[in-house]
Each structure stands twice: as C-alpha cells, then as structure tokens.
Amino acid sequence: MAKLPGRPRSAASRAALLPLALFVAAALSSCMELDAELEIRADGTGLLALDYVLPDFAENLDTGGRARRYLPLPADRAGLEAMAAGIPGLRLDAWERAALEPGPSGVDRFRIRAALSFDSPAAFAAFAASAGGEGMAEAVADGRGFDLVLSEGRSSMDGGFLAFLAAAFPEAACSFTVRLPSRGASNRGAFDAAGTTLSWSLPLQEILTARDTLDWSVRW
C-alpha cells in the first residue's frame, strides 16, 4: 500500500522505531516475540500494553553500549520505569515477568508483560523513539496521527547477530493492534469493518532482513 501523505521526514525521524508501539517495536531485534496493543482515546490519551519474549542471554546485554542497540525494551522493571520517567506524560502502570519453557530452538527465555499510559500521541511517540535503541533519534506524532520507523534496514545491524536471530527464531513475529477513537487510515495492516481497529503481524525475520526503511503511519 502506498505511504500516506504527511509531513516531510528528516534523516533523524527516518531512523526512529517502535517496536512498536505500539510500539514498539522491533528494531526490537532481541525481542523474539512481541504483541503490542495500543488504544488511543478521543482526547489523545491512551494505553499501551506490551507482551514480549526475550532470551535469557538478553540480560547480559542489559548494560553497556550493546544494550541500546540490541535490547531496546529492557529486561527489568527498573529499566522500563526509567524509560517512562524520562518522558513527560508517560507512566508505567503494570509490569510482570514469567519464565517460559525453552523455545523450539532450545534457547531459554522469559516473558515480560507491561502496561503504560500516556497523555498524548507525542508521549507515545517519544516512547517509541526511546525504544529504538542506539542510533534511533525520534518518532513523529501530531494530534491525530503518528509516524514510526520499525527498522532502518539491515545494514544498521551486525550481520552475524542477524544471522543468528534469523536461524534461531524463524517463526517469531511482532503483532500489533491499534484501537482508534475514529475511523483511521494506515500504510500497514487491515482495519475492521468499522475502520477503528487495526491489526497486523510481521515476521521477525522480515524485520531483521529488511533492506530498506520499514515505516508505519497511522491517521484518524
């Protein structure tokens, strides 16, 4: 689908991410699985629910320079609280961690579920940018829309790490649901009959091996 018309993007904004928001996410390259549910109300406030799975080795990346590039979403509550505390109008409402059985690849893993509330689309976009990791500068939001970059392309990441993730987690995917206060439009995903709920899923391997910028625009 063609990209929605919108404001011209700077080089910095083209380097942003969610994850998804939803976030969030993904250049969430260390998140083997991500489910993000974003709800935006008519007054611009909203909720972001994140459910993501990390390999146990991700905890060893949670400090130092590699963490911001390969672990945009923290493995611990304190890290996510610190991210939220640094963004005006954003709050961490809930967080829990649970151990999981090893995945098909045999890698030990755990699940994080978190809920954040925000006072404006700008606060949500700021979180998406923060979740972008090293080299991700910003996301763009206005009163009735947002633009995120989910991946800046394969060339931005270490080839050996990409190859490992693609081989070890071939079935993993990032799924997004967005509930809007009015009928919306987007360059990705499919809306329900009312045009207010958007759902789509993208294989992790497609994000990791994207040659070009992978962006996401939503308007309502």
Protein backbone atom coordinates (compact mmCIF):
# COMPACT_ATOMS: atom_id res chain seq x y z
CA MET A 1 0.00 0.00 0.00
CA ALA A 2 1.32 3.47 -0.79
CA LYS A 3 2.64 5.58 2.02
CA LEU A 4 0.15 8.06 3.42
CA PRO A 5 0.77 11.70 2.63
CA GLY A 6 2.26 13.57 5.54
CA ARG A 7 4.95 15.94 6.64
CA PRO A 8 8.43 15.51 5.10
CA ARG A 9 10.69 13.43 7.33
CA SER A 10 14.16 14.40 8.41
CA ALA A 11 17.01 11.89 8.36
CA ALA A 12 16.63 11.70 12.14
CA SER A 13 12.95 10.79 12.01
CA ARG A 14 13.65 8.11 9.41
CA ALA A 15 15.92 6.48 11.99
CA ALA A 16 13.18 6.09 14.61
CA LEU A 17 11.45 2.92 15.77
CA LEU A 18 8.65 1.50 17.63
CA PRO A 19 8.85 -1.64 18.35
CA LEU A 20 6.21 -0.68 18.28
CA ALA A 21 4.30 0.56 19.95
CA LEU A 22 2.72 0.39 19.93
CA PHE A 23 5.32 0.41 19.85
CA VAL A 24 7.37 -0.82 19.86
CA ALA A 25 8.98 -2.35 18.31
CA ALA A 26 11.23 -4.02 16.94
CA ALA A 27 14.21 -2.82 15.81
CA LEU A 28 13.09 -4.97 18.68
CA SER A 29 15.73 -7.30 17.38
CA SER A 30 16.27 -9.07 20.68
CA CYS A 31 12.53 -9.46 21.27
CA MET A 32 11.88 -12.86 19.80
CA GLU A 33 8.15 -12.26 20.01
CA LEU A 34 6.21 -9.04 20.53
CA ASP A 35 2.49 -8.34 20.93
CA ALA A 36 1.70 -4.64 21.24
CA GLU A 37 -1.80 -3.28 21.82
CA LEU A 38 -2.30 0.46 21.55
CA GLU A 39 -5.53 2.23 22.47
CA ILE A 40 -5.95 5.92 21.71
CA ARG A 41 -8.91 7.86 23.09
CA ALA A 42 -10.65 10.87 21.57
CA ASP A 43 -8.77 13.26 23.86
CA GLY A 44 -5.40 11.85 22.77
CA THR A 45 -4.68 9.93 25.95
CA GLY A 46 -4.25 6.20 25.76
CA LEU A 47 -2.80 2.89 26.86
CA LEU A 48 0.00 0.74 25.51
CA ALA A 49 0.15 -2.94 26.50
CA LEU A 50 3.35 -4.82 25.68
CA ASP A 51 3.87 -8.56 25.82
CA TYR A 52 7.36 -9.54 24.72
CA VAL A 53 9.58 -12.59 24.98
CA LEU A 54 13.33 -12.37 25.47
CA PRO A 55 16.06 -14.99 25.52
CA ASP A 56 17.86 -15.40 28.85
CA PHE A 57 21.07 -14.12 27.30
CA ALA A 58 19.36 -10.75 26.81
CA GLU A 59 20.04 -9.99 30.46
CA ASN A 60 23.74 -9.97 29.68
CA LEU A 61 23.09 -7.22 27.12
CA ASP A 62 21.20 -5.04 29.58
CA THR A 63 24.24 -2.93 30.37
CA GLY A 64 26.74 -1.17 28.16
CA GLY A 65 26.57 0.08 24.60
CA ARG A 66 25.22 -3.12 23.05
CA ALA A 67 22.09 -2.91 25.17
CA ARG A 68 20.70 0.21 23.50
CA ARG A 69 21.22 -1.29 20.06
CA TYR A 70 20.12 -4.87 20.63
CA LEU A 71 17.79 -4.58 23.64
CA PRO A 72 15.55 -1.54 23.10
CA LEU A 73 12.97 -2.82 25.59
CA PRO A 74 14.54 -3.51 28.99
CA ALA A 75 14.57 -6.94 30.57
CA ASP A 76 13.90 -5.50 34.03
CA ARG A 77 11.21 -3.31 35.58
CA ALA A 78 13.67 -0.65 36.74
CA GLY A 79 14.86 -0.13 33.18
CA LEU A 80 11.34 0.32 31.83
CA GLU A 81 10.42 2.62 34.71
CA ALA A 82 13.48 4.74 33.94
CA MET A 83 12.43 5.00 30.28
CA ALA A 84 8.92 6.07 31.27
CA ALA A 85 10.16 8.53 33.91
CA GLY A 86 12.22 10.31 31.27
CA ILE A 87 9.19 11.07 29.08
CA PRO A 88 6.67 13.70 30.22
CA GLY A 89 3.13 12.36 30.16
CA LEU A 90 4.11 8.68 30.23
CA ARG A 91 3.66 6.26 33.15
CA LEU A 92 4.40 2.60 33.77
CA ASP A 93 1.19 1.18 35.27
CA ALA A 94 2.00 -2.53 35.48
CA TRP A 95 4.90 -4.94 34.92
CA GLU A 96 5.37 -8.66 35.40
CA ARG A 97 7.88 -11.29 34.37
CA ALA A 98 7.36 -15.04 33.91
CA ALA A 99 9.70 -17.88 32.97
CA LEU A 100 8.86 -19.86 29.84
CA GLU A 101 9.74 -23.27 28.54
CA PRO A 102 12.62 -23.19 26.04
CA GLY A 103 11.51 -22.39 22.53
CA PRO A 104 11.83 -24.71 19.52
CA SER A 105 15.42 -23.52 19.12
CA GLY A 106 16.23 -24.70 22.67
CA VAL A 107 17.07 -21.18 23.87
CA ASP A 108 15.90 -20.42 27.42
CA ARG A 109 13.56 -17.44 27.50
CA PHE A 110 11.20 -15.36 29.62
CA ARG A 111 8.13 -13.17 29.06
CA ILE A 112 7.59 -9.55 30.06
CA ARG A 113 4.10 -8.04 30.24
CA ALA A 114 3.86 -4.30 30.81
CA ALA A 115 1.20 -1.58 30.59
CA LEU A 116 1.91 2.10 30.09
CA SER A 117 -0.45 5.06 29.96
CA PHE A 118 0.24 8.27 28.05
CA ASP A 119 -1.26 11.75 27.99
CA SER A 120 -0.81 12.45 24.26
CA PRO A 121 0.28 10.85 20.99
CA ALA A 122 3.52 12.82 21.40
CA ALA A 123 4.29 10.97 24.63
CA PHE A 124 3.63 7.65 22.90
CA ALA A 125 5.89 8.67 20.00
CA ALA A 126 8.62 9.69 22.44
CA PHE A 127 8.47 6.23 23.98
CA ALA A 128 8.65 4.64 20.53
CA ALA A 129 11.75 6.69 19.79
CA SER A 130 13.31 5.78 23.13
CA ALA A 131 12.63 2.10 22.44
CA GLY A 132 14.53 2.46 19.19
CA GLY A 133 17.92 1.84 20.73
CA GLU A 134 21.25 3.24 19.66
CA GLY A 135 21.04 5.49 16.63
CA MET A 136 17.24 5.90 16.74
CA ALA A 137 16.53 9.57 17.15
CA GLU A 138 12.82 10.31 17.13
CA ALA A 139 9.32 9.39 16.04
CA VAL A 140 6.80 11.89 14.71
CA ALA A 141 3.32 12.46 16.18
CA ASP A 142 0.65 15.09 16.00
CA GLY A 143 -2.83 15.35 17.47
CA ARG A 144 -4.38 12.83 15.08
CA GLY A 145 -1.62 10.56 13.89
CA PHE A 146 1.86 9.17 14.24
CA ASP A 147 4.73 8.03 12.05
CA LEU A 148 7.21 5.41 13.27
CA VAL A 149 10.13 3.58 11.73
CA LEU A 150 10.17 -0.08 12.70
CA SER A 151 13.55 -0.80 11.13
CA GLU A 152 16.13 1.38 9.47
CA GLY A 153 17.32 -1.53 7.35
CA ARG A 154 19.62 -4.49 7.61
CA SER A 155 22.80 -2.51 7.07
CA SER A 156 22.40 -0.87 10.50
CA MET A 157 22.95 -4.13 12.42
CA ASP A 158 25.72 -6.65 12.87
CA GLY A 159 25.46 -9.36 10.20
CA GLY A 160 26.48 -12.21 12.48
CA PHE A 161 23.87 -11.27 15.07
CA LEU A 162 21.20 -11.01 12.37
CA ALA A 163 22.10 -14.44 11.02
CA PHE A 164 21.89 -15.98 14.49
CA LEU A 165 18.47 -14.49 15.24
CA ALA A 166 17.02 -15.43 11.85
CA ALA A 167 18.23 -19.02 12.22
CA ALA A 168 17.32 -19.49 15.89
CA PHE A 169 13.86 -17.88 15.78
CA PRO A 170 12.45 -18.45 12.27
CA GLU A 171 8.79 -18.46 13.42
CA ALA A 172 8.84 -15.41 15.70
CA ALA A 173 6.66 -12.43 14.82
CA CYS A 174 5.76 -8.95 16.00
CA SER A 175 2.00 -8.35 16.17
CA PHE A 176 0.27 -5.01 16.56
CA THR A 177 -3.28 -3.96 17.41
CA VAL A 178 -4.34 -0.30 17.42
CA ARG A 179 -7.73 0.93 18.57
CA LEU A 180 -8.51 4.45 17.36
CA PRO A 181 -11.18 6.93 18.53
CA SER A 182 -12.48 7.37 14.98
CA ARG A 183 -12.12 5.84 11.52
CA GLY A 184 -8.48 5.61 10.55
CA ALA A 185 -6.04 5.01 7.72
CA SER A 186 -2.63 3.39 7.69
CA ASN A 187 0.06 2.27 5.28
CA ARG A 188 0.15 -1.15 7.03
CA GLY A 189 -2.28 -3.70 8.36
CA ALA A 190 -6.02 -4.22 7.91
CA PHE A 191 -8.84 -2.38 9.69
CA ASP A 192 -12.04 -3.96 10.93
CA ALA A 193 -15.38 -3.11 9.31
CA ALA A 194 -15.79 0.00 11.45
CA GLY A 195 -12.35 1.22 10.43
CA THR A 196 -11.29 1.88 14.03
CA THR A 197 -9.26 -1.23 14.94
CA LEU A 198 -6.09 -2.04 13.02
CA SER A 199 -4.28 -5.37 13.27
CA TRP A 200 -1.18 -6.68 11.56
CA SER A 201 1.71 -9.03 12.14
CA LEU A 202 5.20 -9.02 10.73
CA PRO A 203 7.67 -11.93 10.94
CA LEU A 204 10.75 -11.06 12.93
CA GLN A 205 12.90 -12.36 10.09
CA GLU A 206 11.32 -9.83 7.72
CA ILE A 207 12.19 -7.00 10.11
CA LEU A 208 15.73 -8.26 10.60
CA THR A 209 16.46 -8.69 6.90
CA ALA A 210 14.69 -5.55 5.63
CA ARG A 211 16.94 -3.87 3.10
CA ASP A 212 15.04 -0.59 3.17
CA THR A 213 13.48 1.55 5.86
CA LEU A 214 10.37 -0.11 7.30
CA ASP A 215 7.96 2.60 8.41
CA TRP A 216 4.44 2.79 9.81
CA SER A 217 1.99 5.69 9.52
CA VAL A 218 -1.44 5.91 11.19
CA ARG A 219 -4.05 8.71 10.90
CA TRP A 220 -7.52 9.09 12.40
